[in-house]
Amino acid sequence: MKKIYLITSIVLLLLNGCAGGTTDPRKGGLFSYSPDAYEKRLSDREHQLSAIESDTAAQKHKSAQLKKNLSSEKNKMH
């Protein structure tokens, strides 16, 4: 009887160890896959990418304006 309890306890510990406490698919265990968590993570990453692309476009525009101003100033000096 003790043997059955021991085996059951070991199996439960192993299953709990595989479950993990994270929704990160790279760190999760065998039983921690969650489609909803995956979709949320994907959505968050897409928002981050959008923000970075928007910032990049703004910085390129600012750079073009600064180059234009520099060129204008150089022309005034000649």
N, C-alpha and C. Protein backbone atom coordinates (compact mmCIF):
# COMPACT_ATOMS: atom_id res chain seq x y z
N MET A 1 0.81 -1.18 0.00
CA MET A 1 0.00 0.00 0.00
C MET A 1 0.87 1.26 0.00
N LYS A 2 1.96 1.22 0.80
CA LYS A 2 2.86 2.36 0.84
C LYS A 2 3.52 2.57 -0.51
N LYS A 3 3.75 1.47 -1.21
CA LYS A 3 4.38 1.56 -2.52
C LYS A 3 3.48 2.33 -3.50
N ILE A 4 2.18 2.10 -3.45
CA ILE A 4 1.24 2.79 -4.33
C ILE A 4 1.23 4.28 -4.03
N TYR A 5 1.22 4.64 -2.73
CA TYR A 5 1.25 6.05 -2.35
C TYR A 5 2.55 6.71 -2.80
N LEU A 6 3.64 6.01 -2.68
CA LEU A 6 4.92 6.54 -3.08
C LEU A 6 4.96 6.79 -4.59
N ILE A 7 4.51 5.81 -5.36
CA ILE A 7 4.49 5.95 -6.82
C ILE A 7 3.56 7.09 -7.23
N THR A 8 2.38 7.16 -6.60
CA THR A 8 1.43 8.22 -6.91
C THR A 8 2.02 9.60 -6.58
N SER A 9 2.69 9.70 -5.46
CA SER A 9 3.31 10.96 -5.07
C SER A 9 4.39 11.37 -6.06
N ILE A 10 5.20 10.44 -6.48
CA ILE A 10 6.26 10.74 -7.44
C ILE A 10 5.66 11.20 -8.76
N VAL A 11 4.63 10.51 -9.23
CA VAL A 11 3.98 10.88 -10.49
C VAL A 11 3.40 12.30 -10.39
N LEU A 12 2.73 12.60 -9.28
CA LEU A 12 2.16 13.94 -9.10
C LEU A 12 3.24 15.01 -9.05
N LEU A 13 4.33 14.73 -8.39
CA LEU A 13 5.43 15.69 -8.34
C LEU A 13 6.02 15.94 -9.73
N LEU A 14 6.17 14.88 -10.49
CA LEU A 14 6.69 15.03 -11.84
C LEU A 14 5.75 15.83 -12.73
N LEU A 15 4.46 15.57 -12.62
CA LEU A 15 3.49 16.31 -13.43
C LEU A 15 3.45 17.78 -13.03
N ASN A 16 3.54 18.06 -11.75
CA ASN A 16 3.57 19.46 -11.31
C ASN A 16 4.84 20.15 -11.78
N GLY A 17 5.93 19.45 -11.80
CA GLY A 17 7.18 20.01 -12.28
C GLY A 17 7.14 20.33 -13.75
N CYS A 18 6.38 19.58 -14.53
CA CYS A 18 6.27 19.84 -15.96
C CYS A 18 5.32 20.99 -16.26
N ALA A 19 4.42 21.28 -15.35
CA ALA A 19 3.41 22.31 -15.62
C ALA A 19 4.03 23.69 -15.68
N GLY A 20 4.97 23.98 -14.84
CA GLY A 20 5.61 25.29 -14.86
C GLY A 20 4.66 26.39 -14.45
N GLY A 21 5.18 27.56 -14.18
CA GLY A 21 4.36 28.68 -13.76
C GLY A 21 4.40 29.83 -14.74
N THR A 22 4.82 29.58 -15.94
CA THR A 22 5.00 30.64 -16.91
C THR A 22 4.14 30.41 -18.15
N THR A 23 3.80 31.49 -18.82
CA THR A 23 3.08 31.37 -20.10
C THR A 23 4.03 31.55 -21.28
N ASP A 24 5.29 31.75 -21.00
CA ASP A 24 6.30 31.90 -22.05
C ASP A 24 6.52 30.53 -22.70
N PRO A 25 6.21 30.39 -23.99
CA PRO A 25 6.35 29.08 -24.62
C PRO A 25 7.78 28.54 -24.64
N ARG A 26 8.76 29.43 -24.53
CA ARG A 26 10.14 28.97 -24.50
C ARG A 26 10.54 28.42 -23.15
N LYS A 27 9.78 28.77 -22.09
CA LYS A 27 10.15 28.35 -20.74
C LYS A 27 9.13 27.41 -20.12
N GLY A 28 7.98 27.28 -20.74
CA GLY A 28 6.91 26.47 -20.16
C GLY A 28 7.22 24.99 -20.20
N GLY A 29 6.52 24.28 -19.38
CA GLY A 29 6.67 22.85 -19.34
C GLY A 29 5.77 22.17 -20.35
N LEU A 30 5.71 20.89 -20.28
CA LEU A 30 4.95 20.09 -21.22
C LEU A 30 3.46 20.40 -21.17
N PHE A 31 2.92 20.69 -20.00
CA PHE A 31 1.48 20.88 -19.85
C PHE A 31 1.08 22.35 -19.68
N SER A 32 1.97 23.26 -19.92
CA SER A 32 1.64 24.67 -19.68
C SER A 32 1.21 25.41 -20.94
N TYR A 33 1.04 24.73 -22.06
CA TYR A 33 0.63 25.40 -23.29
C TYR A 33 -0.76 25.98 -23.12
N SER A 34 -0.89 27.26 -23.43
CA SER A 34 -2.17 27.94 -23.32
C SER A 34 -2.36 28.79 -24.57
N PRO A 35 -3.31 28.46 -25.43
CA PRO A 35 -3.52 29.24 -26.65
C PRO A 35 -3.84 30.71 -26.35
N ASP A 36 -4.62 30.96 -25.29
CA ASP A 36 -4.96 32.34 -24.95
C ASP A 36 -3.72 33.13 -24.53
N ALA A 37 -2.87 32.52 -23.73
CA ALA A 37 -1.64 33.18 -23.29
C ALA A 37 -0.72 33.41 -24.49
N TYR A 38 -0.68 32.46 -25.41
CA TYR A 38 0.15 32.61 -26.60
C TYR A 38 -0.36 33.78 -27.45
N GLU A 39 -1.67 33.87 -27.64
CA GLU A 39 -2.25 34.96 -28.43
C GLU A 39 -1.99 36.31 -27.77
N LYS A 40 -2.08 36.38 -26.44
CA LYS A 40 -1.80 37.63 -25.73
C LYS A 40 -0.34 38.01 -25.90
N ARG A 41 0.54 37.05 -25.78
CA ARG A 41 1.97 37.31 -25.95
C ARG A 41 2.25 37.80 -27.36
N LEU A 42 1.62 37.19 -28.35
CA LEU A 42 1.78 37.60 -29.74
C LEU A 42 1.27 39.02 -29.95
N SER A 43 0.11 39.32 -29.40
CA SER A 43 -0.47 40.66 -29.50
C SER A 43 0.44 41.71 -28.86
N ASP A 44 0.98 41.39 -27.69
CA ASP A 44 1.90 42.31 -27.02
C ASP A 44 3.13 42.58 -27.88
N ARG A 45 3.66 41.53 -28.46
CA ARG A 45 4.85 41.68 -29.31
C ARG A 45 4.54 42.52 -30.55
N GLU A 46 3.34 42.33 -31.13
CA GLU A 46 2.96 43.12 -32.31
C GLU A 46 2.82 44.59 -31.94
N HIS A 47 2.27 44.89 -30.75
CA HIS A 47 2.17 46.27 -30.32
C HIS A 47 3.55 46.89 -30.10
N GLN A 48 4.46 46.12 -29.52
CA GLN A 48 5.82 46.61 -29.33
C GLN A 48 6.47 46.92 -30.66
N LEU A 49 6.31 46.03 -31.62
CA LEU A 49 6.88 46.23 -32.95
C LEU A 49 6.31 47.47 -33.61
N SER A 50 5.00 47.65 -33.50
CA SER A 50 4.35 48.82 -34.08
C SER A 50 4.89 50.11 -33.48
N ALA A 51 5.06 50.12 -32.16
CA ALA A 51 5.59 51.31 -31.49
C ALA A 51 7.02 51.59 -31.94
N ILE A 52 7.82 50.56 -32.08
CA ILE A 52 9.22 50.74 -32.51
C ILE A 52 9.27 51.24 -33.96
N GLU A 53 8.42 50.68 -34.82
CA GLU A 53 8.39 51.13 -36.21
C GLU A 53 7.93 52.58 -36.31
N SER A 54 6.97 52.96 -35.49
CA SER A 54 6.49 54.34 -35.47
C SER A 54 7.60 55.30 -35.02
N ASP A 55 8.32 54.90 -33.98
CA ASP A 55 9.43 55.71 -33.48
C ASP A 55 10.53 55.82 -34.53
N THR A 56 10.81 54.74 -35.22
CA THR A 56 11.83 54.75 -36.26
C THR A 56 11.46 55.71 -37.37
N ALA A 57 10.20 55.68 -37.80
CA ALA A 57 9.73 56.59 -38.85
C ALA A 57 9.86 58.05 -38.39
N ALA A 58 9.50 58.32 -37.15
CA ALA A 58 9.60 59.68 -36.62
C ALA A 58 11.06 60.13 -36.57
N GLN A 59 11.95 59.23 -36.17
CA GLN A 59 13.37 59.58 -36.10
C GLN A 59 13.96 59.81 -37.50
N LYS A 60 13.52 59.04 -38.48
CA LYS A 60 13.99 59.24 -39.86
C LYS A 60 13.50 60.59 -40.38
N HIS A 61 12.26 60.94 -40.07
CA HIS A 61 11.73 62.24 -40.49
C HIS A 61 12.52 63.37 -39.84
N LYS A 62 12.80 63.24 -38.55
CA LYS A 62 13.58 64.25 -37.83
C LYS A 62 14.98 64.38 -38.42
N SER A 63 15.58 63.25 -38.76
CA SER A 63 16.91 63.25 -39.35
C SER A 63 16.90 63.97 -40.70
N ALA A 64 15.88 63.72 -41.51
CA ALA A 64 15.77 64.38 -42.81
C ALA A 64 15.61 65.89 -42.63
N GLN A 65 14.81 66.30 -41.65
CA GLN A 65 14.63 67.73 -41.39
C GLN A 65 15.94 68.37 -40.95
N LEU A 66 16.69 67.69 -40.09
CA LEU A 66 17.97 68.23 -39.62
C LEU A 66 18.98 68.34 -40.77
N LYS A 67 18.99 67.34 -41.64
CA LYS A 67 19.89 67.40 -42.80
C LYS A 67 19.51 68.56 -43.71
N LYS A 68 18.22 68.77 -43.88
CA LYS A 68 17.74 69.87 -44.71
C LYS A 68 18.15 71.22 -44.09
N ASN A 69 17.98 71.34 -42.77
CA ASN A 69 18.38 72.57 -42.08
C ASN A 69 19.88 72.79 -42.17
N LEU A 70 20.66 71.74 -42.04
CA LEU A 70 22.11 71.85 -42.14
C LEU A 70 22.52 72.32 -43.53
N SER A 71 21.89 71.74 -44.53
CA SER A 71 22.19 72.13 -45.91
C SER A 71 21.84 73.60 -46.14
N SER A 72 20.73 74.01 -45.59
CA SER A 72 20.29 75.41 -45.73
C SER A 72 21.29 76.35 -45.05
N GLU A 73 21.73 75.98 -43.87
CA GLU A 73 22.71 76.80 -43.15
C GLU A 73 24.03 76.86 -43.89
N LYS A 74 24.45 75.76 -44.48
CA LYS A 74 25.70 75.75 -45.25
C LYS A 74 25.60 76.67 -46.46
N ASN A 75 24.45 76.67 -47.11
CA ASN A 75 24.24 77.53 -48.27
C ASN A 75 24.26 79.00 -47.89
N LYS A 76 23.76 79.34 -46.72
CA LYS A 76 23.77 80.72 -46.24
C LYS A 76 25.19 81.21 -46.00
N MET A 77 26.07 80.30 -45.59
CA MET A 77 27.46 80.69 -45.28
C MET A 77 28.27 80.95 -46.54
N HIS A 78 27.87 80.39 -47.66
CA HIS A 78 28.64 80.56 -48.91
C HIS A 78 28.23 81.75 -49.65
